[in-house]
């Protein structure tokens, strides 16, 4: 079936799905184009039509990760629960759930090589993934709920706190089933972001 999927033009998607699975189970060191080709049932040279080398594969994984994260955050911001504390709560849950479901991918997405020397495609994917939260902050500022200030910096504070919390879960420092802690983090963030605080 996997080999047939390639002939229908799905090789890139099949390789990325297999790479995500490998990253989750074996980490970065377990990833190789040759092993991915074997796993999806194609020749060892076939993946190079889409990914010239491992670096290109990793960038595609990171770009895909940002797109998935962006979709999760967009859904959180678009929630019918329109009170800002509820929306921020949904955003916090969406980020922590994504990061704890995909620890190696989240670590990869945070590596400096994908921040300082990123391709245009990756920059677009990264910016789009954080756009929902920037819009939420801008809406909160316009409504007088959030303090005025640089939305990028405020967004960085939000993600910094949530990323740290997710890292603690992934490192076994926090019970992964304790989502009340994420709710607490969202409430603390909201108090800090409130206008006049």
N, C-alpha and C. Protein backbone atom coordinates (compact mmCIF):
# COMPACT_ATOMS: atom_id res chain seq x y z
N UNK A 1 0.83 -1.20 0.00
CA UNK A 1 0.00 0.00 0.00
C UNK A 1 0.87 1.26 0.00
N UNK A 2 1.93 1.27 0.80
CA UNK A 2 2.77 2.46 0.86
C UNK A 2 3.45 2.71 -0.46
N UNK A 3 3.95 1.63 -1.11
CA UNK A 3 4.59 1.79 -2.40
C UNK A 3 3.58 2.30 -3.41
N UNK A 4 2.33 1.81 -3.37
CA UNK A 4 1.30 2.26 -4.29
C UNK A 4 0.99 3.74 -4.04
N UNK A 5 0.99 4.17 -2.78
CA UNK A 5 0.71 5.56 -2.46
C UNK A 5 1.73 6.48 -3.14
N UNK A 6 2.98 6.02 -3.20
CA UNK A 6 4.01 6.81 -3.87
C UNK A 6 3.66 7.00 -5.34
N UNK A 7 3.20 5.94 -5.99
CA UNK A 7 2.88 6.04 -7.42
C UNK A 7 1.70 6.95 -7.68
N UNK A 8 0.89 7.20 -6.65
CA UNK A 8 -0.22 8.14 -6.78
C UNK A 8 0.21 9.55 -6.40
N UNK A 9 1.49 9.74 -6.15
CA UNK A 9 2.01 11.07 -5.86
C UNK A 9 1.99 11.45 -4.40
N UNK A 10 1.85 10.48 -3.52
CA UNK A 10 1.77 10.77 -2.09
C UNK A 10 3.08 10.49 -1.35
N UNK A 11 4.17 10.34 -2.04
CA UNK A 11 5.41 9.96 -1.38
C UNK A 11 5.84 10.99 -0.34
N UNK A 12 5.75 12.27 -0.67
CA UNK A 12 6.19 13.30 0.28
C UNK A 12 5.41 13.20 1.59
N UNK A 13 4.08 13.08 1.47
CA UNK A 13 3.24 12.97 2.66
C UNK A 13 3.55 11.70 3.45
N UNK A 14 3.77 10.59 2.71
CA UNK A 14 4.07 9.33 3.38
C UNK A 14 5.41 9.42 4.12
N UNK A 15 6.39 10.06 3.51
CA UNK A 15 7.69 10.21 4.16
C UNK A 15 7.60 11.09 5.40
N UNK A 16 6.85 12.19 5.31
CA UNK A 16 6.70 13.07 6.47
C UNK A 16 5.97 12.37 7.61
N UNK A 17 4.93 11.61 7.27
CA UNK A 17 4.20 10.87 8.32
C UNK A 17 5.10 9.85 8.99
N UNK A 18 5.89 9.14 8.20
CA UNK A 18 6.80 8.15 8.76
C UNK A 18 7.90 8.83 9.57
N UNK A 19 8.38 9.97 9.08
CA UNK A 19 9.42 10.71 9.80
C UNK A 19 8.89 11.20 11.15
N UNK A 20 7.64 11.67 11.19
CA UNK A 20 7.07 12.10 12.46
C UNK A 20 6.97 10.94 13.44
N UNK A 21 6.57 9.78 12.92
CA UNK A 21 6.47 8.59 13.77
C UNK A 21 7.85 8.18 14.30
N UNK A 22 8.84 8.19 13.42
CA UNK A 22 10.20 7.84 13.81
C UNK A 22 10.75 8.83 14.83
N UNK A 23 10.51 10.11 14.59
CA UNK A 23 10.98 11.14 15.51
C UNK A 23 10.38 10.93 16.89
N UNK A 24 9.11 10.55 16.92
CA UNK A 24 8.42 10.35 18.20
C UNK A 24 8.98 9.15 18.96
N UNK A 25 9.33 8.08 18.22
CA UNK A 25 9.76 6.85 18.89
C UNK A 25 11.27 6.72 19.04
N UNK A 26 12.04 7.27 18.09
CA UNK A 26 13.48 7.06 18.09
C UNK A 26 14.30 8.34 18.19
N UNK A 27 13.63 9.48 18.16
CA UNK A 27 14.36 10.74 18.26
C UNK A 27 15.05 11.11 16.96
N UNK A 28 15.73 12.23 17.02
CA UNK A 28 16.40 12.78 15.85
C UNK A 28 17.45 11.84 15.28
N UNK A 29 18.17 11.13 16.15
CA UNK A 29 19.22 10.23 15.69
C UNK A 29 18.68 9.05 14.90
N UNK A 30 17.40 8.72 15.11
CA UNK A 30 16.81 7.59 14.40
C UNK A 30 16.33 7.91 13.01
N UNK A 31 16.40 9.19 12.62
CA UNK A 31 15.91 9.60 11.30
C UNK A 31 16.98 9.46 10.23
N UNK A 32 16.66 8.78 9.15
CA UNK A 32 17.53 8.76 7.98
C UNK A 32 16.66 8.57 6.75
N UNK A 33 17.06 9.18 5.64
CA UNK A 33 16.28 9.07 4.40
C UNK A 33 16.23 7.62 3.93
N UNK A 34 17.33 6.90 4.09
CA UNK A 34 17.36 5.51 3.64
C UNK A 34 16.36 4.66 4.43
N UNK A 35 16.32 4.85 5.75
CA UNK A 35 15.39 4.07 6.57
C UNK A 35 13.94 4.46 6.30
N UNK A 36 13.72 5.73 6.04
CA UNK A 36 12.36 6.17 5.70
C UNK A 36 11.91 5.54 4.39
N UNK A 37 12.82 5.48 3.42
CA UNK A 37 12.49 4.86 2.13
C UNK A 37 12.13 3.40 2.33
N UNK A 38 12.90 2.71 3.15
CA UNK A 38 12.60 1.31 3.42
C UNK A 38 11.24 1.16 4.09
N UNK A 39 10.96 2.04 5.02
CA UNK A 39 9.71 1.94 5.78
C UNK A 39 8.48 2.16 4.92
N UNK A 40 8.57 3.05 3.93
CA UNK A 40 7.41 3.32 3.08
C UNK A 40 7.41 2.47 1.81
N UNK A 41 8.46 1.67 1.63
CA UNK A 41 8.47 0.71 0.53
C UNK A 41 8.87 1.26 -0.82
N UNK A 42 9.83 2.20 -0.83
CA UNK A 42 10.33 2.73 -2.10
C UNK A 42 11.85 2.58 -2.14
N UNK A 43 12.44 2.86 -3.29
CA UNK A 43 13.89 2.74 -3.41
C UNK A 43 14.57 3.78 -2.53
N UNK A 44 15.82 3.51 -2.15
CA UNK A 44 16.51 4.43 -1.24
C UNK A 44 16.76 5.79 -1.87
N UNK A 45 16.70 5.89 -3.20
CA UNK A 45 16.92 7.16 -3.87
C UNK A 45 15.64 7.99 -4.01
N UNK A 46 14.49 7.34 -3.91
CA UNK A 46 13.22 8.01 -4.16
C UNK A 46 12.97 9.23 -3.26
N UNK A 47 13.27 9.17 -1.96
CA UNK A 47 12.99 10.34 -1.11
C UNK A 47 13.73 11.61 -1.54
N UNK A 48 14.85 11.45 -2.23
CA UNK A 48 15.65 12.62 -2.61
C UNK A 48 14.95 13.48 -3.67
N UNK A 49 13.89 12.95 -4.26
CA UNK A 49 13.10 13.77 -5.18
C UNK A 49 12.38 14.88 -4.43
N UNK A 50 12.13 14.65 -3.16
CA UNK A 50 11.42 15.63 -2.34
C UNK A 50 12.33 16.28 -1.30
N UNK A 51 13.29 15.51 -0.79
CA UNK A 51 14.20 16.00 0.25
C UNK A 51 15.63 15.66 -0.17
N UNK A 52 16.37 16.64 -0.67
CA UNK A 52 17.73 16.37 -1.14
C UNK A 52 18.65 15.80 -0.05
N UNK A 53 18.38 16.15 1.19
CA UNK A 53 19.21 15.66 2.29
C UNK A 53 18.39 15.69 3.58
N UNK A 54 19.00 15.25 4.66
CA UNK A 54 18.30 15.18 5.94
C UNK A 54 17.90 16.57 6.43
N UNK A 55 18.73 17.57 6.14
CA UNK A 55 18.41 18.93 6.57
C UNK A 55 17.10 19.40 5.95
N UNK A 56 16.91 19.07 4.68
CA UNK A 56 15.67 19.45 3.99
C UNK A 56 14.47 18.73 4.59
N UNK A 57 14.66 17.47 4.96
CA UNK A 57 13.59 16.71 5.62
C UNK A 57 13.23 17.34 6.96
N UNK A 58 14.23 17.71 7.74
CA UNK A 58 13.97 18.31 9.05
C UNK A 58 13.24 19.64 8.90
N UNK A 59 13.63 20.43 7.91
CA UNK A 59 12.95 21.70 7.70
C UNK A 59 11.49 21.47 7.32
N UNK A 60 11.23 20.45 6.50
CA UNK A 60 9.85 20.13 6.13
C UNK A 60 9.05 19.67 7.35
N UNK A 61 9.69 18.90 8.22
CA UNK A 61 9.03 18.46 9.45
C UNK A 61 8.67 19.66 10.33
N UNK A 62 9.61 20.59 10.46
CA UNK A 62 9.38 21.78 11.28
C UNK A 62 8.27 22.64 10.67
N UNK A 63 8.30 22.82 9.36
CA UNK A 63 7.26 23.59 8.68
C UNK A 63 5.89 22.96 8.88
N UNK A 64 5.83 21.64 8.74
CA UNK A 64 4.58 20.92 8.96
C UNK A 64 4.12 21.07 10.42
N UNK A 65 5.07 21.03 11.34
CA UNK A 65 4.74 21.20 12.75
C UNK A 65 4.13 22.57 13.02
N UNK A 66 4.72 23.61 12.42
CA UNK A 66 4.18 24.95 12.61
C UNK A 66 2.77 25.06 12.02
N UNK A 67 2.55 24.40 10.88
CA UNK A 67 1.21 24.44 10.29
C UNK A 67 0.19 23.76 11.18
N UNK A 68 0.56 22.62 11.75
CA UNK A 68 -0.35 21.91 12.65
C UNK A 68 -0.61 22.70 13.92
N UNK A 69 0.45 23.28 14.48
CA UNK A 69 0.29 24.11 15.68
C UNK A 69 -0.60 25.30 15.37
N UNK A 70 -0.38 25.94 14.22
CA UNK A 70 -1.19 27.08 13.84
C UNK A 70 -2.66 26.74 13.72
N UNK A 71 -2.95 25.55 13.17
CA UNK A 71 -4.35 25.11 13.05
C UNK A 71 -4.98 24.93 14.43
N UNK A 72 -4.21 24.35 15.35
CA UNK A 72 -4.72 24.14 16.71
C UNK A 72 -4.97 25.48 17.41
N UNK A 73 -4.06 26.43 17.23
CA UNK A 73 -4.22 27.74 17.87
C UNK A 73 -5.35 28.53 17.23
N UNK A 74 -5.49 28.41 15.92
CA UNK A 74 -6.60 29.08 15.23
C UNK A 74 -7.94 28.59 15.74
N UNK A 75 -8.04 27.27 15.91
CA UNK A 75 -9.28 26.69 16.44
C UNK A 75 -9.55 27.18 17.86
N UNK A 76 -8.48 27.33 18.65
CA UNK A 76 -8.64 27.81 20.03
C UNK A 76 -9.13 29.25 20.06
N UNK A 77 -8.53 30.09 19.23
CA UNK A 77 -8.91 31.50 19.20
C UNK A 77 -10.32 31.68 18.64
N UNK A 78 -10.70 30.80 17.71
CA UNK A 78 -12.02 30.89 17.08
C UNK A 78 -13.11 30.24 17.91
N UNK A 79 -12.77 29.78 19.10
CA UNK A 79 -13.74 29.12 19.97
C UNK A 79 -14.95 30.02 20.21
N UNK A 80 -16.11 29.40 20.35
CA UNK A 80 -17.33 30.17 20.59
C UNK A 80 -17.32 30.83 21.97
N UNK A 81 -16.45 30.37 22.84
CA UNK A 81 -16.33 30.98 24.17
C UNK A 81 -15.53 32.27 24.02
N UNK A 82 -16.23 33.41 23.90
CA UNK A 82 -15.57 34.64 23.48
C UNK A 82 -15.00 35.48 24.61
N UNK A 83 -15.23 35.13 25.87
CA UNK A 83 -14.58 35.87 26.95
C UNK A 83 -13.07 35.66 26.82
N UNK A 84 -12.30 36.71 27.05
CA UNK A 84 -10.86 36.61 26.82
C UNK A 84 -10.18 35.61 27.75
N UNK A 85 -10.70 35.48 28.97
CA UNK A 85 -10.08 34.49 29.84
C UNK A 85 -10.32 33.08 29.32
N UNK A 86 -11.50 32.84 28.73
CA UNK A 86 -11.77 31.52 28.15
C UNK A 86 -10.93 31.26 26.91
N UNK A 87 -10.78 32.29 26.07
CA UNK A 87 -9.99 32.13 24.84
C UNK A 87 -8.53 31.86 25.18
N UNK A 88 -7.98 32.63 26.13
CA UNK A 88 -6.59 32.41 26.53
C UNK A 88 -6.42 31.02 27.14
N UNK A 89 -7.43 30.58 27.87
CA UNK A 89 -7.41 29.23 28.44
C UNK A 89 -7.35 28.18 27.33
N UNK A 90 -8.15 28.37 26.29
CA UNK A 90 -8.16 27.44 25.15
C UNK A 90 -6.82 27.45 24.42
N UNK A 91 -6.24 28.63 24.27
CA UNK A 91 -4.93 28.75 23.62
C UNK A 91 -3.87 28.00 24.43
N UNK A 92 -3.90 28.19 25.75
CA UNK A 92 -2.92 27.52 26.61
C UNK A 92 -3.04 26.01 26.49
N UNK A 93 -4.27 25.52 26.53
CA UNK A 93 -4.49 24.08 26.40
C UNK A 93 -4.03 23.57 25.04
N UNK A 94 -4.34 24.32 23.98
CA UNK A 94 -3.97 23.90 22.63
C UNK A 94 -2.45 23.78 22.49
N UNK A 95 -1.73 24.78 23.02
CA UNK A 95 -0.27 24.74 22.89
C UNK A 95 0.33 23.60 23.72
N UNK A 96 -0.08 23.50 24.96
CA UNK A 96 0.50 22.47 25.84
C UNK A 96 0.15 21.07 25.32
N UNK A 97 -1.06 20.88 24.85
CA UNK A 97 -1.43 19.58 24.30
C UNK A 97 -0.60 19.24 23.07
N UNK A 98 -0.40 20.22 22.18
CA UNK A 98 0.44 19.97 21.00
C UNK A 98 1.86 19.62 21.41
N UNK A 99 2.43 20.42 22.30
CA UNK A 99 3.83 20.24 22.68
C UNK A 99 4.06 18.94 23.43
N UNK A 100 3.09 18.52 24.23
CA UNK A 100 3.27 17.28 25.00
C UNK A 100 2.93 16.05 24.17
N UNK A 101 2.17 16.22 23.10
CA UNK A 101 1.89 15.09 22.20
C UNK A 101 3.02 14.90 21.20
N UNK A 102 3.86 15.93 21.03
CA UNK A 102 4.93 15.89 20.03
C UNK A 102 6.24 16.44 20.62
N UNK A 103 6.76 15.83 21.69
CA UNK A 103 7.94 16.43 22.34
C UNK A 103 9.16 16.60 21.43
N UNK A 104 9.60 15.56 20.68
CA UNK A 104 10.79 15.77 19.86
C UNK A 104 10.57 16.80 18.75
N UNK A 105 9.36 16.81 18.18
CA UNK A 105 9.06 17.79 17.14
C UNK A 105 9.05 19.20 17.71
N UNK A 106 8.48 19.38 18.88
CA UNK A 106 8.46 20.70 19.52
C UNK A 106 9.88 21.17 19.81
N UNK A 107 10.74 20.27 20.27
CA UNK A 107 12.15 20.63 20.50
C UNK A 107 12.81 21.05 19.19
N UNK A 108 12.52 20.29 18.12
CA UNK A 108 13.09 20.60 16.82
C UNK A 108 12.63 21.97 16.34
N UNK A 109 11.34 22.27 16.53
CA UNK A 109 10.78 23.55 16.11
C UNK A 109 11.42 24.71 16.86
N UNK A 110 11.98 24.45 18.04
CA UNK A 110 12.56 25.50 18.87
C UNK A 110 14.05 25.71 18.63
N UNK A 111 14.66 24.88 17.80
CA UNK A 111 16.10 24.96 17.60
C UNK A 111 16.47 26.23 16.83
N UNK A 112 17.56 26.84 17.23
CA UNK A 112 17.96 28.13 16.67
C UNK A 112 18.23 28.07 15.17
N UNK A 113 18.66 26.93 14.67
CA UNK A 113 18.98 26.85 13.24
C UNK A 113 17.74 27.06 12.38
N UNK A 114 16.55 26.80 12.95
CA UNK A 114 15.32 27.02 12.20
C UNK A 114 14.74 28.40 12.48
N UNK A 115 15.42 29.16 13.31
CA UNK A 115 14.98 30.51 13.62
C UNK A 115 15.86 31.55 12.94
N UNK A 116 17.17 31.34 12.98
CA UNK A 116 18.09 32.36 12.47
C UNK A 116 18.41 32.18 10.98
N UNK A 117 18.29 30.96 10.47
CA UNK A 117 18.68 30.70 9.08
C UNK A 117 17.58 29.93 8.37
N UNK A 118 16.35 30.39 8.52
CA UNK A 118 15.20 29.68 7.98
C UNK A 118 14.93 30.09 6.54
N UNK A 119 14.37 29.16 5.78
CA UNK A 119 13.95 29.46 4.42
C UNK A 119 12.71 30.34 4.47
N UNK A 120 12.39 30.94 3.33
CA UNK A 120 11.20 31.80 3.28
C UNK A 120 9.94 31.01 3.60
N UNK A 121 9.86 29.77 3.10
CA UNK A 121 8.69 28.93 3.36
C UNK A 121 8.53 28.67 4.86
N UNK A 122 9.64 28.41 5.53
CA UNK A 122 9.59 28.13 6.95
C UNK A 122 9.22 29.38 7.74
N UNK A 123 9.74 30.52 7.34
CA UNK A 123 9.40 31.79 8.01
C UNK A 123 7.90 32.03 7.90
N UNK A 124 7.35 31.81 6.70
CA UNK A 124 5.91 32.01 6.49
C UNK A 124 5.10 31.07 7.39
N UNK A 125 5.51 29.79 7.45
CA UNK A 125 4.79 28.81 8.29
C UNK A 125 4.87 29.18 9.76
N UNK A 126 6.05 29.63 10.21
CA UNK A 126 6.21 30.00 11.61
C UNK A 126 5.37 31.22 11.96
N UNK A 127 5.41 32.24 11.09
CA UNK A 127 4.63 33.44 11.36
C UNK A 127 3.14 33.14 11.36
N UNK A 128 2.70 32.29 10.43
CA UNK A 128 1.27 31.95 10.35
C UNK A 128 0.83 31.18 11.59
N UNK A 129 1.71 30.37 12.15
CA UNK A 129 1.33 29.57 13.31
C UNK A 129 1.06 30.43 14.54
N UNK A 130 1.77 31.55 14.65
CA UNK A 130 1.60 32.41 15.80
C UNK A 130 0.61 33.55 15.56
N UNK A 131 0.15 33.70 14.31
CA UNK A 131 -0.76 34.79 13.96
C UNK A 131 -2.06 34.77 14.77
N UNK A 132 -2.67 33.60 15.04
CA UNK A 132 -3.92 33.62 15.81
C UNK A 132 -3.76 34.25 17.20
N UNK A 133 -2.63 33.97 17.83
CA UNK A 133 -2.41 34.52 19.17
C UNK A 133 -2.13 36.02 19.09
N UNK A 134 -1.40 36.43 18.07
CA UNK A 134 -1.17 37.88 17.90
C UNK A 134 -2.50 38.60 17.70
N UNK A 135 -3.39 38.01 16.91
CA UNK A 135 -4.71 38.62 16.69
C UNK A 135 -5.50 38.66 17.99
N UNK A 136 -5.39 37.61 18.79
CA UNK A 136 -6.08 37.59 20.08
C UNK A 136 -5.58 38.71 20.98
N UNK A 137 -4.26 38.89 21.02
CA UNK A 137 -3.69 39.95 21.85
C UNK A 137 -4.12 41.32 21.33
N UNK A 138 -4.10 41.52 20.02
CA UNK A 138 -4.52 42.79 19.45
C UNK A 138 -5.98 43.08 19.77
N UNK A 139 -6.83 42.05 19.67
CA UNK A 139 -8.25 42.22 20.00
C UNK A 139 -8.43 42.55 21.48
N UNK A 140 -7.64 41.89 22.32
CA UNK A 140 -7.70 42.17 23.75
C UNK A 140 -7.27 43.58 24.08
N UNK A 141 -6.24 44.06 23.38
CA UNK A 141 -5.79 45.43 23.59
C UNK A 141 -6.85 46.43 23.12
N UNK A 142 -7.47 46.15 21.97
CA UNK A 142 -8.50 47.05 21.44
C UNK A 142 -9.71 47.11 22.36
N UNK A 143 -9.99 45.99 23.04
CA UNK A 143 -11.14 45.95 23.95
C UNK A 143 -10.79 46.49 25.33
N UNK A 144 -9.53 46.84 25.55
CA UNK A 144 -9.11 47.37 26.84
C UNK A 144 -8.91 46.30 27.90
N UNK A 145 -8.87 45.03 27.46
CA UNK A 145 -8.68 43.92 28.41
C UNK A 145 -7.20 43.71 28.68
N UNK A 146 -6.39 43.72 27.61
CA UNK A 146 -4.95 43.52 27.74
C UNK A 146 -4.25 44.86 27.76
N UNK A 147 -3.14 44.90 28.47
CA UNK A 147 -2.32 46.11 28.50
C UNK A 147 -1.77 46.40 27.11
N UNK A 148 -1.58 47.69 26.84
CA UNK A 148 -0.98 48.07 25.56
C UNK A 148 0.50 47.68 25.56
N UNK A 149 1.04 47.49 24.37
CA UNK A 149 2.44 47.12 24.25
C UNK A 149 2.69 46.38 22.96
N UNK A 150 3.91 46.03 22.74
CA UNK A 150 4.33 45.31 21.55
C UNK A 150 3.69 43.92 21.55
N UNK A 151 2.85 43.63 20.56
CA UNK A 151 2.16 42.34 20.54
C UNK A 151 3.11 41.17 20.37
N UNK A 152 4.22 41.39 19.67
CA UNK A 152 5.21 40.32 19.51
C UNK A 152 5.82 39.96 20.86
N UNK A 153 6.15 40.99 21.64
CA UNK A 153 6.73 40.73 22.96
C UNK A 153 5.72 40.06 23.89
N UNK A 154 4.48 40.53 23.85
CA UNK A 154 3.45 39.91 24.68
C UNK A 154 3.24 38.46 24.27
N UNK A 155 3.21 38.22 22.97
CA UNK A 155 3.06 36.84 22.48
C UNK A 155 4.24 35.97 22.91
N UNK A 156 5.43 36.55 22.90
CA UNK A 156 6.62 35.81 23.31
C UNK A 156 6.52 35.41 24.79
N UNK A 157 5.99 36.32 25.61
CA UNK A 157 5.80 36.01 27.03
C UNK A 157 4.81 34.85 27.19
N UNK A 158 3.70 34.92 26.43
CA UNK A 158 2.69 33.86 26.50
C UNK A 158 3.30 32.52 26.13
N UNK A 159 3.97 32.47 24.97
CA UNK A 159 4.53 31.20 24.51
C UNK A 159 5.69 30.74 25.38
N UNK A 160 6.44 31.68 25.91
CA UNK A 160 7.54 31.29 26.79
C UNK A 160 7.04 30.56 28.02
N UNK A 161 5.98 31.08 28.62
CA UNK A 161 5.42 30.42 29.81
C UNK A 161 4.84 29.06 29.45
N UNK A 162 4.09 29.00 28.36
CA UNK A 162 3.46 27.74 27.97
C UNK A 162 4.48 26.70 27.54
N UNK A 163 5.52 27.15 26.83
CA UNK A 163 6.57 26.23 26.39
C UNK A 163 7.31 25.67 27.60
N UNK A 164 7.56 26.53 28.57
CA UNK A 164 8.23 26.06 29.79
C UNK A 164 7.39 25.03 30.53
N UNK A 165 6.09 25.28 30.61
CA UNK A 165 5.19 24.33 31.26
C UNK A 165 5.17 22.99 30.51
N UNK A 166 5.08 23.07 29.18
CA UNK A 166 5.08 21.83 28.39
C UNK A 166 6.39 21.08 28.56
N UNK A 167 7.50 21.79 28.63
CA UNK A 167 8.80 21.14 28.83
C UNK A 167 8.85 20.43 30.17
N UNK A 168 8.27 21.02 31.19
CA UNK A 168 8.23 20.37 32.49
C UNK A 168 7.41 19.08 32.44
N UNK A 169 6.31 19.11 31.69
CA UNK A 169 5.51 17.88 31.52
C UNK A 169 6.34 16.83 30.78
N UNK A 170 6.97 17.25 29.68
CA UNK A 170 7.74 16.31 28.86
C UNK A 170 8.94 15.73 29.59
N UNK A 171 9.46 16.48 30.54
CA UNK A 171 10.62 16.00 31.31
C UNK A 171 10.22 15.23 32.56
N UNK A 172 8.92 15.02 32.74
CA UNK A 172 8.45 14.25 33.89
C UNK A 172 8.42 15.02 35.19
N UNK A 173 8.57 16.35 35.12
CA UNK A 173 8.55 17.15 36.34
C UNK A 173 7.12 17.46 36.79
N UNK A 174 6.17 17.33 35.85
CA UNK A 174 4.77 17.65 36.11
C UNK A 174 3.92 16.49 35.59
N UNK A 175 2.88 16.16 36.31
CA UNK A 175 1.96 15.11 35.91
C UNK A 175 1.31 15.48 34.57
N UNK A 176 1.47 14.66 33.54
CA UNK A 176 0.92 15.00 32.22
C UNK A 176 -0.60 15.04 32.18
N UNK A 177 -1.26 14.45 33.17
CA UNK A 177 -2.72 14.47 33.18
C UNK A 177 -3.29 15.66 33.95
N UNK A 178 -2.41 16.48 34.54
CA UNK A 178 -2.85 17.60 35.36
C UNK A 178 -3.07 18.85 34.51
N UNK A 179 -4.19 18.89 33.78
CA UNK A 179 -4.47 20.06 32.95
C UNK A 179 -4.91 21.26 33.77
N UNK A 180 -5.23 21.03 35.05
CA UNK A 180 -5.56 22.16 35.92
C UNK A 180 -4.38 23.13 36.02
N UNK A 181 -3.17 22.58 35.92
CA UNK A 181 -1.99 23.44 35.98
C UNK A 181 -1.96 24.38 34.77
N UNK A 182 -2.37 23.88 33.61
CA UNK A 182 -2.43 24.73 32.42
C UNK A 182 -3.48 25.81 32.59
N UNK A 183 -4.63 25.45 33.17
CA UNK A 183 -5.66 26.45 33.45
C UNK A 183 -5.11 27.52 34.41
N UNK A 184 -4.39 27.08 35.43
CA UNK A 184 -3.79 28.03 36.38
C UNK A 184 -2.82 28.96 35.67
N UNK A 185 -2.01 28.41 34.77
CA UNK A 185 -1.04 29.22 34.03
C UNK A 185 -1.76 30.27 33.20
N UNK A 186 -2.87 29.88 32.56
CA UNK A 186 -3.63 30.83 31.75
C UNK A 186 -4.18 31.96 32.61
N UNK A 187 -4.67 31.63 33.80
CA UNK A 187 -5.22 32.66 34.68
C UNK A 187 -4.13 33.61 35.17
N UNK A 188 -2.97 33.05 35.49
CA UNK A 188 -1.84 33.89 35.92
C UNK A 188 -1.39 34.80 34.78
N UNK A 189 -1.33 34.24 33.57
CA UNK A 189 -0.97 35.05 32.39
C UNK A 189 -1.96 36.19 32.21
N UNK A 190 -3.24 35.87 32.32
CA UNK A 190 -4.26 36.89 32.10
C UNK A 190 -4.14 38.01 33.11
N UNK A 191 -3.88 37.67 34.36
CA UNK A 191 -3.70 38.72 35.37
C UNK A 191 -2.53 39.62 35.01
N UNK A 192 -1.46 39.01 34.52
CA UNK A 192 -0.29 39.80 34.15
C UNK A 192 -0.49 40.65 32.91
N UNK A 193 -1.38 40.19 32.00
CA UNK A 193 -1.61 40.90 30.76
C UNK A 193 -2.72 41.93 30.85
N UNK A 194 -3.49 41.88 31.95
CA UNK A 194 -4.65 42.77 32.04
C UNK A 194 -4.26 44.25 32.04
N UNK A 195 -5.10 45.03 31.39
CA UNK A 195 -4.90 46.47 31.37
C UNK A 195 -4.99 47.02 32.79
N UNK A 196 -4.03 47.84 33.16
CA UNK A 196 -4.04 48.45 34.48
C UNK A 196 -3.42 47.60 35.56
N UNK A 197 -2.89 46.39 35.20
CA UNK A 197 -2.28 45.52 36.22
C UNK A 197 -0.86 45.95 36.49
